[in-house]
Amino acid sequence: MSDIATLPGLAGSSELPVVPVREILPWAAFAALVGLAAVWFVGAEQGAAAIFDGTTVHEFVHDARHLLGFPCH
């Protein structure tokens, strides 16, 4: 038999745990910040608002630019 059924709080329970929004909000904000940074580097880096000089970032994310529909040529 599985050991999961013998864990406290899970035996005979089919309900999912409720997580308060105040616990999820910091992680959601962090994920949004990471997502915005990813879109910045894929879509805007090596343009007029570039942070880094050269073409290193552009070449690193070149295929992602085309996959997401950003023009680069």
PDB file of N, CA and C in Angstrom:
ATOM      1  N   MET A   1       0.843  -1.169   0.000  1.00  0.00           N
ATOM      2  CA  MET A   1       0.000   0.000   0.000  1.00  0.00           C
ATOM      3  C   MET A   1       0.894   1.240   0.000  1.00  0.00           C
ATOM      4  N   SER A   2       0.378   2.319  -0.451  1.00  0.00           N
ATOM      5  CA  SER A   2       1.124   3.570  -0.550  1.00  0.00           C
ATOM      6  C   SER A   2       1.263   4.249   0.805  1.00  0.00           C
ATOM      7  N   ASP A   3       2.405   4.880   1.020  1.00  0.00           N
ATOM      8  CA  ASP A   3       2.632   5.618   2.265  1.00  0.00           C
ATOM      9  C   ASP A   3       1.906   6.960   2.269  1.00  0.00           C
ATOM     10  N   ILE A   4       1.477   7.417   1.117  1.00  0.00           N
ATOM     11  CA  ILE A   4       0.806   8.713   1.039  1.00  0.00           C
ATOM     12  C   ILE A   4      -0.519   8.686   1.807  1.00  0.00           C
ATOM     13  N   ALA A   5      -1.204   7.582   1.765  1.00  0.00           N
ATOM     14  CA  ALA A   5      -2.500   7.486   2.442  1.00  0.00           C
ATOM     15  C   ALA A   5      -2.358   7.538   3.957  1.00  0.00           C
ATOM     16  N   THR A   6      -1.162   7.294   4.480  1.00  0.00           N
ATOM     17  CA  THR A   6      -0.973   7.290   5.928  1.00  0.00           C
ATOM     18  C   THR A   6      -0.443   8.619   6.456  1.00  0.00           C
ATOM     19  N   LEU A   7      -0.181   9.594   5.597  1.00  0.00           N
ATOM     20  CA  LEU A   7       0.304  10.886   6.054  1.00  0.00           C
ATOM     21  C   LEU A   7      -0.790  11.640   6.783  1.00  0.00           C
ATOM     22  N   PRO A   8      -0.443  12.348   7.859  1.00  0.00           N
ATOM     23  CA  PRO A   8      -1.459  13.105   8.590  1.00  0.00           C
ATOM     24  C   PRO A   8      -2.073  14.189   7.716  1.00  0.00           C
ATOM     25  N   GLY A   9      -3.352  14.326   7.775  1.00  0.00           N
ATOM     26  CA  GLY A   9      -4.044  15.354   7.004  1.00  0.00           C
ATOM     27  C   GLY A   9      -4.464  14.915   5.619  1.00  0.00           C
ATOM     28  N   LEU A  10      -3.942  13.789   5.132  1.00  0.00           N
ATOM     29  CA  LEU A  10      -4.302  13.322   3.795  1.00  0.00           C
ATOM     30  C   LEU A  10      -5.152  12.061   3.821  1.00  0.00           C
ATOM     31  N   ALA A  11      -5.170  11.362   4.915  1.00  0.00           N
ATOM     32  CA  ALA A  11      -5.910  10.109   4.983  1.00  0.00           C
ATOM     33  C   ALA A  11      -7.410  10.370   4.882  1.00  0.00           C
ATOM     34  N   GLY A  12      -8.025   9.847   3.865  1.00  0.00           N
ATOM     35  CA  GLY A  12      -9.461   9.970   3.693  1.00  0.00           C
ATOM     36  C   GLY A  12      -9.933  11.343   3.269  1.00  0.00           C
ATOM     37  N   SER A  13      -9.046  12.245   2.942  1.00  0.00           N
ATOM     38  CA  SER A  13      -9.424  13.606   2.564  1.00  0.00           C
ATOM     39  C   SER A  13      -9.288  13.778   1.060  1.00  0.00           C
ATOM     40  N   SER A  14     -10.317  14.310   0.444  1.00  0.00           N
ATOM     41  CA  SER A  14     -10.260  14.572  -0.997  1.00  0.00           C
ATOM     42  C   SER A  14     -10.280  16.069  -1.294  1.00  0.00           C
ATOM     43  N   GLU A  15     -10.149  16.896  -0.255  1.00  0.00           N
ATOM     44  CA  GLU A  15     -10.166  18.343  -0.434  1.00  0.00           C
ATOM     45  C   GLU A  15      -8.763  18.871  -0.689  1.00  0.00           C
ATOM     46  N   LEU A  16      -8.673  19.875  -1.537  1.00  0.00           N
ATOM     47  CA  LEU A  16      -7.393  20.523  -1.794  1.00  0.00           C
ATOM     48  C   LEU A  16      -7.132  21.565  -0.722  1.00  0.00           C
ATOM     49  N   PRO A  17      -5.861  21.762  -0.367  1.00  0.00           N
ATOM     50  CA  PRO A  17      -5.575  22.794   0.638  1.00  0.00           C
ATOM     51  C   PRO A  17      -5.845  24.187   0.076  1.00  0.00           C
ATOM     52  N   VAL A  18      -6.319  25.083   0.908  1.00  0.00           N
ATOM     53  CA  VAL A  18      -6.612  26.450   0.510  1.00  0.00           C
ATOM     54  C   VAL A  18      -5.398  27.305   0.862  1.00  0.00           C
ATOM     55  N   VAL A  19      -4.879  28.022  -0.143  1.00  0.00           N
ATOM     56  CA  VAL A  19      -3.726  28.889   0.067  1.00  0.00           C
ATOM     57  C   VAL A  19      -4.212  30.334  -0.004  1.00  0.00           C
ATOM     58  N   PRO A  20      -3.963  31.129   1.044  1.00  0.00           N
ATOM     59  CA  PRO A  20      -4.408  32.525   1.029  1.00  0.00           C
ATOM     60  C   PRO A  20      -3.700  33.335  -0.054  1.00  0.00           C
ATOM     61  N   VAL A  21      -4.395  34.323  -0.584  1.00  0.00           N
ATOM     62  CA  VAL A  21      -3.859  35.160  -1.651  1.00  0.00           C
ATOM     63  C   VAL A  21      -2.600  35.891  -1.186  1.00  0.00           C
ATOM     64  N   ARG A  22      -2.541  36.285   0.078  1.00  0.00           N
ATOM     65  CA  ARG A  22      -1.384  37.030   0.583  1.00  0.00           C
ATOM     66  C   ARG A  22      -0.109  36.188   0.542  1.00  0.00           C
ATOM     67  N   GLU A  23      -0.237  34.865   0.495  1.00  0.00           N
ATOM     68  CA  GLU A  23       0.935  34.002   0.361  1.00  0.00           C
ATOM     69  C   GLU A  23       1.324  33.803  -1.095  1.00  0.00           C
ATOM     70  N   ILE A  24       0.379  33.918  -1.994  1.00  0.00           N
ATOM     71  CA  ILE A  24       0.652  33.728  -3.417  1.00  0.00           C
ATOM     72  C   ILE A  24       1.146  35.014  -4.068  1.00  0.00           C
ATOM     73  N   LEU A  25       0.693  36.160  -3.583  1.00  0.00           N
ATOM     74  CA  LEU A  25       0.987  37.445  -4.208  1.00  0.00           C
ATOM     75  C   LEU A  25       2.478  37.728  -4.379  1.00  0.00           C
ATOM     76  N   PRO A  26       3.345  37.520  -3.392  1.00  0.00           N
ATOM     77  CA  PRO A  26       4.771  37.791  -3.623  1.00  0.00           C
ATOM     78  C   PRO A  26       5.377  36.912  -4.713  1.00  0.00           C
ATOM     79  N   TRP A  27       4.962  35.653  -4.769  1.00  0.00           N
ATOM     80  CA  TRP A  27       5.477  34.761  -5.806  1.00  0.00           C
ATOM     81  C   TRP A  27       4.947  35.146  -7.185  1.00  0.00           C
ATOM     82  N   ALA A  28       3.711  35.601  -7.249  1.00  0.00           N
ATOM     83  CA  ALA A  28       3.145  36.045  -8.523  1.00  0.00           C
ATOM     84  C   ALA A  28       3.852  37.307  -9.010  1.00  0.00           C
ATOM     85  N   ALA A  29       4.165  38.222  -8.096  1.00  0.00           N
ATOM     86  CA  ALA A  29       4.889  39.436  -8.470  1.00  0.00           C
ATOM     87  C   ALA A  29       6.300  39.087  -8.950  1.00  0.00           C
ATOM     88  N   PHE A  30       6.963  38.156  -8.277  1.00  0.00           N
ATOM     89  CA  PHE A  30       8.298  37.726  -8.696  1.00  0.00           C
ATOM     90  C   PHE A  30       8.251  37.084 -10.084  1.00  0.00           C
ATOM     91  N   ALA A  31       7.270  36.222 -10.327  1.00  0.00           N
ATOM     92  CA  ALA A  31       7.136  35.568 -11.635  1.00  0.00           C
ATOM     93  C   ALA A  31       6.851  36.601 -12.731  1.00  0.00           C
ATOM     94  N   ALA A  32       6.043  37.606 -12.419  1.00  0.00           N
ATOM     95  CA  ALA A  32       5.760  38.659 -13.396  1.00  0.00           C
ATOM     96  C   ALA A  32       7.015  39.462 -13.707  1.00  0.00           C
ATOM     97  N   LEU A  33       7.832  39.752 -12.716  1.00  0.00           N
ATOM     98  CA  LEU A  33       9.075  40.489 -12.921  1.00  0.00           C
ATOM     99  C   LEU A  33      10.057  39.684 -13.778  1.00  0.00           C
ATOM    100  N   VAL A  34      10.188  38.411 -13.497  1.00  0.00           N
ATOM    101  CA  VAL A  34      11.060  37.552 -14.302  1.00  0.00           C
ATOM    102  C   VAL A  34      10.537  37.455 -15.736  1.00  0.00           C
ATOM    103  N   GLY A  35       9.226  37.346 -15.888  1.00  0.00           N
ATOM    104  CA  GLY A  35       8.634  37.296 -17.230  1.00  0.00           C
ATOM    105  C   GLY A  35       8.856  38.579 -18.012  1.00  0.00           C
ATOM    106  N   LEU A  36       8.697  39.715 -17.341  1.00  0.00           N
ATOM    107  CA  LEU A  36       8.950  40.993 -18.016  1.00  0.00           C
ATOM    108  C   LEU A  36      10.411  41.137 -18.418  1.00  0.00           C
ATOM    109  N   ALA A  37      11.323  40.686 -17.570  1.00  0.00           N
ATOM    110  CA  ALA A  37      12.745  40.726 -17.915  1.00  0.00           C
ATOM    111  C   ALA A  37      13.036  39.840 -19.122  1.00  0.00           C
ATOM    112  N   ALA A  38      12.402  38.673 -19.179  1.00  0.00           N
ATOM    113  CA  ALA A  38      12.605  37.774 -20.318  1.00  0.00           C
ATOM    114  C   ALA A  38      12.088  38.408 -21.607  1.00  0.00           C
ATOM    115  N   VAL A  39      10.911  39.017 -21.556  1.00  0.00           N
ATOM    116  CA  VAL A  39      10.369  39.676 -22.747  1.00  0.00           C
ATOM    117  C   VAL A  39      11.251  40.856 -23.157  1.00  0.00           C
ATOM    118  N   TRP A  40      11.803  41.575 -22.170  1.00  0.00           N
ATOM    119  CA  TRP A  40      12.705  42.694 -22.472  1.00  0.00           C
ATOM    120  C   TRP A  40      13.917  42.197 -23.255  1.00  0.00           C
ATOM    121  N   PHE A  41      14.570  41.157 -22.762  1.00  0.00           N
ATOM    122  CA  PHE A  41      15.781  40.675 -23.423  1.00  0.00           C
ATOM    123  C   PHE A  41      15.490  40.058 -24.773  1.00  0.00           C
ATOM    124  N   VAL A  42      14.341  39.424 -24.930  1.00  0.00           N
ATOM    125  CA  VAL A  42      14.013  38.826 -26.220  1.00  0.00           C
ATOM    126  C   VAL A  42      13.554  39.882 -27.215  1.00  0.00           C
ATOM    127  N   GLY A  43      12.758  40.833 -26.760  1.00  0.00           N
ATOM    128  CA  GLY A  43      12.139  41.758 -27.689  1.00  0.00           C
ATOM    129  C   GLY A  43      12.787  43.105 -27.854  1.00  0.00           C
ATOM    130  N   ALA A  44      13.410  43.647 -26.824  1.00  0.00           N
ATOM    131  CA  ALA A  44      13.875  45.029 -26.911  1.00  0.00           C
ATOM    132  C   ALA A  44      15.386  45.175 -26.842  1.00  0.00           C
ATOM    133  N   GLU A  45      16.086  44.199 -26.328  1.00  0.00           N
ATOM    134  CA  GLU A  45      17.537  44.323 -26.196  1.00  0.00           C
ATOM    135  C   GLU A  45      18.188  44.359 -27.580  1.00  0.00           C
ATOM    136  N   GLN A  46      19.227  45.138 -27.710  1.00  0.00           N
ATOM    137  CA  GLN A  46      19.952  45.396 -28.952  1.00  0.00           C
ATOM    138  C   GLN A  46      19.173  46.341 -29.861  1.00  0.00           C
ATOM    139  N   GLY A  47      18.278  47.074 -29.285  1.00  0.00           N
ATOM    140  CA  GLY A  47      17.543  48.078 -30.037  1.00  0.00           C
ATOM    141  C   GLY A  47      17.911  49.465 -29.547  1.00  0.00           C
ATOM    142  N   ALA A  48      16.993  50.403 -29.657  1.00  0.00           N
ATOM    143  CA  ALA A  48      17.252  51.780 -29.237  1.00  0.00           C
ATOM    144  C   ALA A  48      17.427  51.884 -27.726  1.00  0.00           C
ATOM    145  N   ALA A  49      16.817  50.992 -26.970  1.00  0.00           N
ATOM    146  CA  ALA A  49      16.901  51.047 -25.516  1.00  0.00           C
ATOM    147  C   ALA A  49      17.777  49.919 -24.968  1.00  0.00           C
ATOM    148  N   ALA A  50      18.854  49.579 -25.669  1.00  0.00           N
ATOM    149  CA  ALA A  50      19.709  48.466 -25.271  1.00  0.00           C
ATOM    150  C   ALA A  50      20.477  48.782 -23.994  1.00  0.00           C
ATOM    151  N   ILE A  51      20.627  47.775 -23.165  1.00  0.00           N
ATOM    152  CA  ILE A  51      21.407  47.906 -21.937  1.00  0.00           C
ATOM    153  C   ILE A  51      22.856  47.496 -22.192  1.00  0.00           C
ATOM    154  N   PHE A  52      23.064  46.428 -22.973  1.00  0.00           N
ATOM    155  CA  PHE A  52      24.398  45.902 -23.231  1.00  0.00           C
ATOM    156  C   PHE A  52      24.854  46.275 -24.635  1.00  0.00           C
ATOM    157  N   ASP A  53      26.146  46.512 -24.809  1.00  0.00           N
ATOM    158  CA  ASP A  53      26.715  46.784 -26.126  1.00  0.00           C
ATOM    159  C   ASP A  53      26.996  45.475 -26.846  1.00  0.00           C
ATOM    160  N   GLY A  54      27.116  45.549 -28.168  1.00  0.00           N
ATOM    161  CA  GLY A  54      27.435  44.365 -28.951  1.00  0.00           C
ATOM    162  C   GLY A  54      26.195  43.575 -29.332  1.00  0.00           C
ATOM    163  N   THR A  55      26.442  42.408 -29.908  1.00  0.00           N
ATOM    164  CA  THR A  55      25.340  41.581 -30.399  1.00  0.00           C
ATOM    165  C   THR A  55      25.195  40.268 -29.629  1.00  0.00           C
ATOM    166  N   THR A  56      25.840  40.142 -28.495  1.00  0.00           N
ATOM    167  CA  THR A  56      25.809  38.886 -27.745  1.00  0.00           C
ATOM    168  C   THR A  56      24.398  38.508 -27.326  1.00  0.00           C
ATOM    169  N   VAL A  57      23.670  39.422 -26.727  1.00  0.00           N
ATOM    170  CA  VAL A  57      22.305  39.132 -26.266  1.00  0.00           C
ATOM    171  C   VAL A  57      21.413  38.829 -27.463  1.00  0.00           C
ATOM    172  N   HIS A  58      21.555  39.592 -28.543  1.00  0.00           N
ATOM    173  CA  HIS A  58      20.744  39.371 -29.739  1.00  0.00           C
ATOM    174  C   HIS A  58      20.962  37.968 -30.290  1.00  0.00           C
ATOM    175  N   GLU A  59      22.199  37.549 -30.400  1.00  0.00           N
ATOM    176  CA  GLU A  59      22.485  36.222 -30.941  1.00  0.00           C
ATOM    177  C   GLU A  59      22.013  35.118 -29.999  1.00  0.00           C
ATOM    178  N   PHE A  60      22.068  35.356 -28.695  1.00  0.00           N
ATOM    179  CA  PHE A  60      21.641  34.356 -27.722  1.00  0.00           C
ATOM    180  C   PHE A  60      20.135  34.113 -27.788  1.00  0.00           C
ATOM    181  N   VAL A  61      19.349  35.155 -28.027  1.00  0.00           N
ATOM    182  CA  VAL A  61      17.890  35.022 -28.039  1.00  0.00           C
ATOM    183  C   VAL A  61      17.307  35.141 -29.451  1.00  0.00           C
ATOM    184  N   HIS A  62      18.140  34.976 -30.468  1.00  0.00           N
ATOM    185  CA  HIS A  62      17.713  35.194 -31.850  1.00  0.00           C
ATOM    186  C   HIS A  62      16.522  34.321 -32.245  1.00  0.00           C
ATOM    187  N   ASP A  63      16.586  33.026 -31.984  1.00  0.00           N
ATOM    188  CA  ASP A  63      15.483  32.138 -32.367  1.00  0.00           C
ATOM    189  C   ASP A  63      14.216  32.430 -31.571  1.00  0.00           C
ATOM    190  N   ALA A  64      14.373  32.817 -30.308  1.00  0.00           N
ATOM    191  CA  ALA A  64      13.204  33.157 -29.495  1.00  0.00           C
ATOM    192  C   ALA A  64      12.521  34.401 -30.048  1.00  0.00           C
ATOM    193  N   ARG A  65      13.296  35.338 -30.583  1.00  0.00           N
ATOM    194  CA  ARG A  65      12.708  36.539 -31.183  1.00  0.00           C
ATOM    195  C   ARG A  65      11.778  36.156 -32.325  1.00  0.00           C
ATOM    196  N   HIS A  66      12.251  35.280 -33.208  1.00  0.00           N
ATOM    197  CA  HIS A  66      11.417  34.858 -34.337  1.00  0.00           C
ATOM    198  C   HIS A  66      10.216  34.037 -33.868  1.00  0.00           C
ATOM    199  N   LEU A  67      10.409  33.161 -32.887  1.00  0.00           N
ATOM    200  CA  LEU A  67       9.321  32.332 -32.370  1.00  0.00           C
ATOM    201  C   LEU A  67       8.202  33.178 -31.788  1.00  0.00           C
ATOM    202  N   LEU A  68       8.549  34.274 -31.108  1.00  0.00           N
ATOM    203  CA  LEU A  68       7.560  35.148 -30.492  1.00  0.00           C
ATOM    204  C   LEU A  68       7.058  36.257 -31.416  1.00  0.00           C
ATOM    205  N   GLY A  69       7.588  36.314 -32.632  1.00  0.00           N
ATOM    206  CA  GLY A  69       7.101  37.282 -33.611  1.00  0.00           C
ATOM    207  C   GLY A  69       7.769  38.636 -33.579  1.00  0.00           C
ATOM    208  N   PHE A  70       8.916  38.764 -32.896  1.00  0.00           N
ATOM    209  CA  PHE A  70       9.641  40.035 -32.906  1.00  0.00           C
ATOM    210  C   PHE A  70      10.530  40.092 -34.150  1.00  0.00           C
ATOM    211  N   PRO A  71      10.445  41.168 -34.926  1.00  0.00           N
ATOM    212  CA  PRO A  71      11.338  41.280 -36.077  1.00  0.00           C
ATOM    213  C   PRO A  71      12.746  41.664 -35.606  1.00  0.00           C
ATOM    214  N   CYS A  72      13.755  41.174 -36.319  1.00  0.00           N
ATOM    215  CA  CYS A  72      15.123  41.529 -35.938  1.00  0.00           C
ATOM    216  C   CYS A  72      16.038  41.677 -37.132  1.00  0.00           C
ATOM    217  N   HIS A  73      15.525  41.556 -38.342  1.00  0.00           N
ATOM    218  CA  HIS A  73      16.372  41.708 -39.531  1.00  0.00           C
ATOM    219  C   HIS A  73      15.913  42.910 -40.330  1.00  0.00           C
TER     220      HIS A  73
END
